[in-house]
């Protein structure tokens, strides 16, 4: 289980950067926030991928990036709402 968590964190570092490249537009997000986004997306996507497909690392990486993209889109929606208020 510890190896799984460490793997998710390392993949998360890559997933955050890929998510920012895949989603068009500018983000006022710093590099540490990008890393946290990738780690959170990695945990969410990795756990979903593991539950659906087992321990397939290719699917885990894809699901991690998709989780990070989802979190980035959610972050943008909340960031827009906070700017309007």
Protein backbone atom coordinates (compact mmCIF):
# COMPACT_ATOMS: atom_id res chain seq x y z
CA UNK A 1 0.00 0.00 0.00
CA UNK A 2 2.86 2.38 0.75
CA UNK A 3 4.35 1.78 -2.70
CA UNK A 4 0.97 2.56 -4.23
CA UNK A 5 0.80 5.90 -2.39
CA UNK A 6 4.36 6.87 -3.32
CA UNK A 7 3.64 5.96 -6.94
CA UNK A 8 0.53 8.13 -6.93
CA UNK A 9 2.49 11.09 -5.59
CA UNK A 10 5.22 10.74 -8.25
CA UNK A 11 2.68 10.34 -11.03
CA UNK A 12 0.81 13.31 -9.55
CA UNK A 13 3.76 15.58 -10.18
CA UNK A 14 3.53 14.73 -13.87
CA UNK A 15 -0.27 14.67 -13.96
CA UNK A 16 -0.59 18.28 -12.75
CA UNK A 17 1.67 19.58 -15.48
CA UNK A 18 -0.12 17.54 -18.15
CA UNK A 19 -3.52 18.72 -16.92
CA UNK A 20 -2.47 22.35 -17.26
CA UNK A 21 -1.20 21.65 -20.78
CA UNK A 22 -4.39 19.84 -21.82
CA UNK A 23 -6.87 22.43 -20.54
CA UNK A 24 -6.74 25.58 -22.67
CA UNK A 25 -6.54 29.02 -21.11
CA UNK A 26 -4.45 30.77 -18.52
CA UNK A 27 -4.36 29.71 -14.90
CA UNK A 28 -3.24 32.02 -12.11
CA UNK A 29 -1.85 28.95 -10.38
CA UNK A 30 1.68 28.70 -9.00
CA UNK A 31 3.98 25.73 -9.48
CA UNK A 32 3.33 24.37 -5.96
CA UNK A 33 -0.42 24.58 -6.61
CA UNK A 34 0.09 22.70 -9.88
CA UNK A 35 1.94 19.97 -8.01
CA UNK A 36 -0.85 19.76 -5.40
CA UNK A 37 -3.42 19.61 -8.20
CA UNK A 38 -1.55 16.73 -9.79
CA UNK A 39 -1.18 14.86 -6.51
CA UNK A 40 -4.88 15.25 -5.68
CA UNK A 41 -5.85 14.25 -9.22
CA UNK A 42 -3.49 11.32 -8.97
CA UNK A 43 -5.13 10.09 -5.79
CA UNK A 44 -8.65 10.51 -7.15
CA UNK A 45 -7.96 9.13 -10.62
CA UNK A 46 -5.62 6.44 -9.34
CA UNK A 47 -8.11 5.12 -6.82
CA UNK A 48 -10.92 5.10 -9.38
CA UNK A 49 -8.67 3.44 -11.96
CA UNK A 50 -7.52 0.84 -9.45
CA UNK A 51 -11.11 0.09 -8.44
CA UNK A 52 -12.25 -0.27 -12.06
CA UNK A 53 -9.24 -1.83 -13.78
CA UNK A 54 -6.98 -3.29 -11.06
CA UNK A 55 -3.26 -2.57 -10.81
CA UNK A 56 -2.61 -1.53 -14.41
CA UNK A 57 -0.06 1.31 -14.33
CA UNK A 58 -0.91 2.62 -17.79
CA UNK A 59 -4.56 3.04 -16.85
CA UNK A 60 -3.43 4.56 -13.54
CA UNK A 61 -1.44 7.27 -15.32
CA UNK A 62 -4.30 8.07 -17.69
CA UNK A 63 -6.81 8.20 -14.83
CA UNK A 64 -4.45 10.39 -12.81
CA UNK A 65 -4.25 12.93 -15.63
CA UNK A 66 -8.04 12.82 -16.08
CA UNK A 67 -8.50 13.33 -12.33
CA UNK A 68 -6.18 16.34 -12.41
CA UNK A 69 -8.02 17.79 -15.44
CA UNK A 70 -11.32 17.38 -13.58
CA UNK A 71 -9.94 19.13 -10.51
CA UNK A 72 -8.51 21.92 -12.65
CA UNK A 73 -11.90 22.54 -14.25
CA UNK A 74 -13.56 22.56 -10.81
CA UNK A 75 -10.87 24.95 -9.54
CA UNK A 76 -11.52 27.31 -12.44
CA UNK A 77 -15.27 27.34 -11.75
CA UNK A 78 -14.77 28.20 -8.08
CA UNK A 79 -12.08 30.75 -8.94
CA UNK A 80 -14.46 32.53 -11.36
CA UNK A 81 -17.24 32.62 -8.78
CA UNK A 82 -14.90 34.01 -6.14
CA UNK A 83 -13.76 36.79 -8.50
CA UNK A 84 -17.34 37.92 -9.19
CA UNK A 85 -18.37 38.28 -5.55
